[in-house]
């Protein structure tokens, strides 16, 4: 199986792929929605709100940050997370593009 070589893909293709990967987990989508409502949460606050481990929150935040969907600032013993107005607008465009509000959810188990 061929390996992933970044020079085989354009920056646009890589960016779209990272964004898709970042939004592929419902917890990360929920994190973005929380940050839109509460723009300056910390990783500790997200851990408490979502009731998941600090390490899991960190992994999810890294994927969102890698895709450029959030910003992070390091503080002693915590990570400040913010989402800018431009990042919110970009997320809302994705939401509209995929019609996320009204799309039905299908489970593979229902296809049998």
C-alpha atoms as a PDB file:
ATOM      1  CA  UNK A   1       0.000   0.000   0.000  1.00  0.00           C
ATOM      2  CA  UNK A   2       1.468   3.406  -0.944  1.00  0.00           C
ATOM      3  CA  UNK A   3       2.295   5.820   1.829  1.00  0.00           C
ATOM      4  CA  UNK A   4       0.982   9.362   2.139  1.00  0.00           C
ATOM      5  CA  UNK A   5       3.445  11.814   0.601  1.00  0.00           C
ATOM      6  CA  UNK A   6       2.497  15.474   1.149  1.00  0.00           C
ATOM      7  CA  UNK A   7       4.175  16.574  -2.101  1.00  0.00           C
ATOM      8  CA  UNK A   8       1.646  14.437  -4.021  1.00  0.00           C
ATOM      9  CA  UNK A   9      -1.201  16.708  -2.913  1.00  0.00           C
ATOM     10  CA  UNK A  10      -1.894  20.418  -3.118  1.00  0.00           C
ATOM     11  CA  UNK A  11      -2.170  22.534   0.055  1.00  0.00           C
ATOM     12  CA  UNK A  12      -5.885  22.927  -0.725  1.00  0.00           C
ATOM     13  CA  UNK A  13      -6.392  19.148  -0.879  1.00  0.00           C
ATOM     14  CA  UNK A  14      -4.545  18.664   2.401  1.00  0.00           C
ATOM     15  CA  UNK A  15      -6.518  21.470   4.074  1.00  0.00           C
ATOM     16  CA  UNK A  16      -9.876  20.015   2.975  1.00  0.00           C
ATOM     17  CA  UNK A  17      -8.784  16.580   4.195  1.00  0.00           C
ATOM     18  CA  UNK A  18      -7.734  17.928   7.623  1.00  0.00           C
ATOM     19  CA  UNK A  19     -11.038  19.780   7.993  1.00  0.00           C
ATOM     20  CA  UNK A  20     -13.026  16.681   7.079  1.00  0.00           C
ATOM     21  CA  UNK A  21     -11.018  14.590   9.524  1.00  0.00           C
ATOM     22  CA  UNK A  22     -11.504  17.188  12.262  1.00  0.00           C
ATOM     23  CA  UNK A  23     -15.282  17.223  11.799  1.00  0.00           C
ATOM     24  CA  UNK A  24     -15.562  13.436  11.510  1.00  0.00           C
ATOM     25  CA  UNK A  25     -16.261  12.962  15.228  1.00  0.00           C
ATOM     26  CA  UNK A  26     -19.446  14.268  16.890  1.00  0.00           C
ATOM     27  CA  UNK A  27     -17.519  15.250  20.031  1.00  0.00           C
ATOM     28  CA  UNK A  28     -15.386  17.674  18.017  1.00  0.00           C
ATOM     29  CA  UNK A  29     -18.493  19.171  16.403  1.00  0.00           C
ATOM     30  CA  UNK A  30     -19.956  19.610  19.885  1.00  0.00           C
ATOM     31  CA  UNK A  31     -16.728  21.286  21.029  1.00  0.00           C
ATOM     32  CA  UNK A  32     -17.013  23.817  18.209  1.00  0.00           C
ATOM     33  CA  UNK A  33     -20.654  24.484  19.079  1.00  0.00           C
ATOM     34  CA  UNK A  34     -19.676  25.016  22.730  1.00  0.00           C
ATOM     35  CA  UNK A  35     -16.894  27.390  21.717  1.00  0.00           C
ATOM     36  CA  UNK A  36     -19.310  29.376  19.554  1.00  0.00           C
ATOM     37  CA  UNK A  37     -21.589  29.837  22.591  1.00  0.00           C
ATOM     38  CA  UNK A  38     -18.724  30.293  25.084  1.00  0.00           C
ATOM     39  CA  UNK A  39     -15.773  31.684  23.081  1.00  0.00           C
ATOM     40  CA  UNK A  40     -12.963  31.345  25.634  1.00  0.00           C
ATOM     41  CA  UNK A  41     -13.164  27.961  27.307  1.00  0.00           C
ATOM     42  CA  UNK A  42     -10.189  26.070  28.668  1.00  0.00           C
ATOM     43  CA  UNK A  43      -9.403  22.412  28.172  1.00  0.00           C
ATOM     44  CA  UNK A  44     -10.308  21.837  31.825  1.00  0.00           C
ATOM     45  CA  UNK A  45     -13.732  23.407  31.339  1.00  0.00           C
ATOM     46  CA  UNK A  46     -14.336  21.304  28.228  1.00  0.00           C
ATOM     47  CA  UNK A  47     -13.336  18.204  30.201  1.00  0.00           C
ATOM     48  CA  UNK A  48     -15.949  19.026  32.852  1.00  0.00           C
ATOM     49  CA  UNK A  49     -18.701  19.940  30.376  1.00  0.00           C
ATOM     50  CA  UNK A  50     -18.177  16.922  28.106  1.00  0.00           C
ATOM     51  CA  UNK A  51     -17.379  14.501  30.959  1.00  0.00           C
ATOM     52  CA  UNK A  52     -14.448  12.950  29.118  1.00  0.00           C
ATOM     53  CA  UNK A  53     -10.796  12.646  30.085  1.00  0.00           C
ATOM     54  CA  UNK A  54      -8.335  15.502  29.734  1.00  0.00           C
ATOM     55  CA  UNK A  55      -6.206  13.449  27.328  1.00  0.00           C
ATOM     56  CA  UNK A  56      -9.217  12.747  25.090  1.00  0.00           C
ATOM     57  CA  UNK A  57     -10.112  16.443  25.053  1.00  0.00           C
ATOM     58  CA  UNK A  58      -6.504  17.244  24.138  1.00  0.00           C
ATOM     59  CA  UNK A  59      -6.544  14.787  21.205  1.00  0.00           C
ATOM     60  CA  UNK A  60      -9.814  16.240  19.894  1.00  0.00           C
ATOM     61  CA  UNK A  61      -8.570  19.824  20.293  1.00  0.00           C
ATOM     62  CA  UNK A  62      -5.354  19.031  18.433  1.00  0.00           C
ATOM     63  CA  UNK A  63      -7.318  17.782  15.416  1.00  0.00           C
ATOM     64  CA  UNK A  64      -9.490  20.914  15.445  1.00  0.00           C
ATOM     65  CA  UNK A  65      -6.400  23.117  15.788  1.00  0.00           C
ATOM     66  CA  UNK A  66      -4.534  21.277  13.004  1.00  0.00           C
ATOM     67  CA  UNK A  67      -7.503  21.977  10.705  1.00  0.00           C
ATOM     68  CA  UNK A  68      -7.502  25.675  11.646  1.00  0.00           C
ATOM     69  CA  UNK A  69     -10.968  25.497  13.190  1.00  0.00           C
ATOM     70  CA  UNK A  70      -9.858  26.791  16.610  1.00  0.00           C
ATOM     71  CA  UNK A  71      -6.961  28.618  18.251  1.00  0.00           C
ATOM     72  CA  UNK A  72      -5.138  27.575  21.407  1.00  0.00           C
ATOM     73  CA  UNK A  73      -3.043  29.453  23.954  1.00  0.00           C
ATOM     74  CA  UNK A  74      -0.891  27.759  26.550  1.00  0.00           C
ATOM     75  CA  UNK A  75      -1.259  28.821  30.170  1.00  0.00           C
ATOM     76  CA  UNK A  76       0.241  27.246  33.267  1.00  0.00           C
ATOM     77  CA  UNK A  77      -1.692  23.998  33.850  1.00  0.00           C
ATOM     78  CA  UNK A  78      -4.309  24.665  31.174  1.00  0.00           C
ATOM     79  CA  UNK A  79      -4.948  25.390  27.529  1.00  0.00           C
ATOM     80  CA  UNK A  80      -7.061  28.374  26.521  1.00  0.00           C
ATOM     81  CA  UNK A  81      -9.250  27.629  23.527  1.00  0.00           C
ATOM     82  CA  UNK A  82     -10.849  30.284  21.379  1.00  0.00           C
ATOM     83  CA  UNK A  83     -12.707  30.504  18.124  1.00  0.00           C
ATOM     84  CA  UNK A  84     -12.521  33.669  16.048  1.00  0.00           C
ATOM     85  CA  UNK A  85     -15.383  35.275  14.150  1.00  0.00           C
ATOM     86  CA  UNK A  86     -13.783  34.144  10.884  1.00  0.00           C
ATOM     87  CA  UNK A  87     -13.556  30.549  12.138  1.00  0.00           C
ATOM     88  CA  UNK A  88     -17.205  30.722  13.202  1.00  0.00           C
ATOM     89  CA  UNK A  89     -18.206  32.005   9.750  1.00  0.00           C
ATOM     90  CA  UNK A  90     -16.231  29.202   8.075  1.00  0.00           C
ATOM     91  CA  UNK A  91     -17.887  26.596  10.301  1.00  0.00           C
ATOM     92  CA  UNK A  92     -21.333  28.046   9.544  1.00  0.00           C
ATOM     93  CA  UNK A  93     -20.551  27.781   5.807  1.00  0.00           C
ATOM     94  CA  UNK A  94     -19.666  24.106   6.264  1.00  0.00           C
ATOM     95  CA  UNK A  95     -22.828  23.607   8.278  1.00  0.00           C
ATOM     96  CA  UNK A  96     -24.898  25.164   5.488  1.00  0.00           C
ATOM     97  CA  UNK A  97     -23.032  23.238   2.791  1.00  0.00           C
ATOM     98  CA  UNK A  98     -23.781  19.903   4.399  1.00  0.00           C
ATOM     99  CA  UNK A  99     -27.228  21.007   5.584  1.00  0.00           C
ATOM    100  CA  UNK A 100     -26.291  19.693   9.018  1.00  0.00           C
ATOM    101  CA  UNK A 101     -29.441  20.942  10.735  1.00  0.00           C
ATOM    102  CA  UNK A 102     -31.935  18.872   8.755  1.00  0.00           C
ATOM    103  CA  UNK A 103     -30.004  15.843   7.520  1.00  0.00           C
ATOM    104  CA  UNK A 104     -31.322  12.513   8.713  1.00  0.00           C
ATOM    105  CA  UNK A 105     -28.949  10.183  10.471  1.00  0.00           C
ATOM    106  CA  UNK A 106     -28.591   6.708   9.063  1.00  0.00           C
ATOM    107  CA  UNK A 107     -26.930   3.843  10.827  1.00  0.00           C
ATOM    108  CA  UNK A 108     -25.349   0.976   8.942  1.00  0.00           C
ATOM    109  CA  UNK A 109     -27.366  -1.390  11.102  1.00  0.00           C
ATOM    110  CA  UNK A 110     -30.543   0.043   9.528  1.00  0.00           C
ATOM    111  CA  UNK A 111     -29.391  -0.900   6.054  1.00  0.00           C
ATOM    112  CA  UNK A 112     -29.546  -4.639   6.608  1.00  0.00           C
END
